[in-house]
Amino acid sequence: GEFFRGTRTTDSIINYILDSLDVVLVDLHFDQFDAEIDASDVPWLITFCDPTDETDCLSHESQIKISAVLNNMVTVGSVDCANEEALCKFLGRRSGVVFYPAKEVTPERETVVEEYHSQDVIQAVLGLLPNLISVDDESFKMVGLTPEPWLIHFGKGDVKALEMRKLPSLLPEFQVGHVDCVQFPALCEIHHVHKYPSVALFKQNGAYEWHHGRYTAQDIAVFARDTSSSKVFTLGPDSFPNPVTTGEENWFVDFFAPWCPPCMKLLPEWRKASKMYNDENNEVKFGTVDCTVHKTLCQQYNIRSYPSTVFYNNTMPHSFRGRHSVDSLIEFIEDTLRPSSQLLTPESFDALVGGKAKGETWLVDFHAPWCSHCQELAPVWNKLAKKLKGEASVGSIDCQKYNSFCTRHGIQSFPTIRLYPHSSEGVRRSVHYQGWHNLDSLHSWAFRYLPSIVTDLNSFDFDDKLLISESPWIVDFFAPWCGHCVHFAPYFEKLAKRLEGKVQFGKVNCDEHHHVCVEAGVRAYPSIIFYRGATNGRSQPSRGDHAFRSQDIDDMYDATMRLLQDLEDRKDKQKKKTAKSRKKTPAHDEF
């Protein structure tokens, strides 16, 4: 933006705005006339003026206003007949405002505009622009079969909205038509037109979408361009159950209401996702259902809030609960089609979980397809499986399909989450999860039961193991009630595995060993401190050598490698110094 710093009068503000507008006004000259006319692909509005005579012509201010409003629809030009006698003679005019079709600026093709006020001129010019193509029952059959997409205005009677008259010029690559719902009610009923006027874009693949934004030419033109390449279908009662929920096709459906702001923010992302998702082996069709039009349908499918987005895969509905972004939508599809979590049967459960050896960890989700909490958990469960890859196996079993199996295992509610720990064989021991169904909570809970290479340090260990150790250590000083500490713990374990063999890792519970943390100078949790190791038989300081500022494990890894390199450089330097000192020391005489 730019601040207005002039005099705060109406004229000053208007002049400031007019000067700021990015418009093109063409001063026509006889020697460049043909080139200027050929350079424009839109009609012309030309004002003829003679400053030496009291002729009627548009003011410069009016020309700017008209050009700004009719941008890309007409080219506004002017001729100074006092200096361009030849051009005015050629066009047979010395005054007035005249409209000419594109490329045809000749006396024979002129239409005089009998107005001089900018708003009146704009209305008159819009009335001269090409009208919309009238579409009837027969011609509608060609919609979707032509190379160009069709933008169709549904209304009652002729098109009187001048905003719509702007569209053919704004969208030259589109066919722009009008359906009179009084004359052709069947067309409007088939497409569930429930308010007038309504605008829809019909695409070559048979799909169409409705415009839900402002009823302005610019907004409708933006909608048409954005929508023309999307693969989104408008759905209604005739789309359910076949083809959406029969399982023959994969459908991702957005149930929405046009009055809902989050719904309107999601729609552009929905269209982008339909264009960006491209998997020949797993085709996914994107659809939308307007629940203000199809209220009964939405109630039938248990839609209680907007937007509700559901992926129908093999008749199984999967509710999307993530961020309304292209990346999140595509990730959700991929996780659903190629789940990281294993789909277990009674046979595979007995073989994989029941037959697991010590050292293996399994997490199993016992669920039912009709359970809404299970549907909400499904995408989170897949993400958990991704996060635990290489550390634990994650699976799920359908208790509606395998009811007797789940009953035999004591499953009484859904979802039931059990962890079979590495410390026992098979299903002899299990831990039941009763926390929140979000990724961080599940991950932190599962992490507590995974084998760890991080040493628990008490006050004795800290003094007699770490401080006198000649090996480098990294220690996590934490408090169990600290949310950041709980969240960081799995990442600290990953860092320990990356640096295994180079650095030893430990952790101190500052609630249980408060004085250790005080001696180490810990003032916030978690605090991560590097200890380079004791030298010359002397204990190293309790405060360590380096406190990590970042808790990003990549940053911590890089910082640790620099500290280790610095440690090696110091050792090499000390070795060279010692060797040099020995050479200078004279040998004693032997007796």
Foldseek 3Di string as FASTA:
>chain_A
DDDDDDDPDPVSVLVVVLVPDDFDEAEDAPVCNLVVLQVDQAKEKEFAEEVVDPADTEDPSLLSVLRRVLPLHYHYYYYHCNPHVVVCVQQVHRGAIWIAGRSGSHVVRIDTDPDHHSVSSNVVVLVVADAAAEDAPVNVVCALVDPAKEKEKEAADGDPDSQLSSQCSLCVRHRYHYYHCVVHVVVCVVVLPDDPTWIKIAENVRAIDTDLDDPGNVSVSVVNVLQHQFQEHEDAPVPPPPPDQQQPAKEKEWEAASVDVVQVVLVSQLRVLRNPDDDPVHDYGYYYYHCVRHVVVCVVVVNDDPGWIWIHHSNQTATQDDDSHSVSVNVLVCCVVPFLAAEDDLVVLCVDQQAAAQQAKEKEWEAARVDPVQSVLSSLQSVLSVVCVPFYHYYYYHCVVVVVSCVVVVDDDPGWMWMDANHDGHPPDIDTDDDDSHNQVVNLVVVVRTDAQAAEDAPCCLQPPVQQFQAKEKEWEAEPVDPVQSSLVVVVRVLCVVCPPRYGYYYYHCVRHVVLCVQLVDDDHTKIAMAHGDPPRDTDGSVHDDIDPDSPSVVVNVVVVVVSVVVVVVVVVVVVVVVVVVVPDDDDDDD
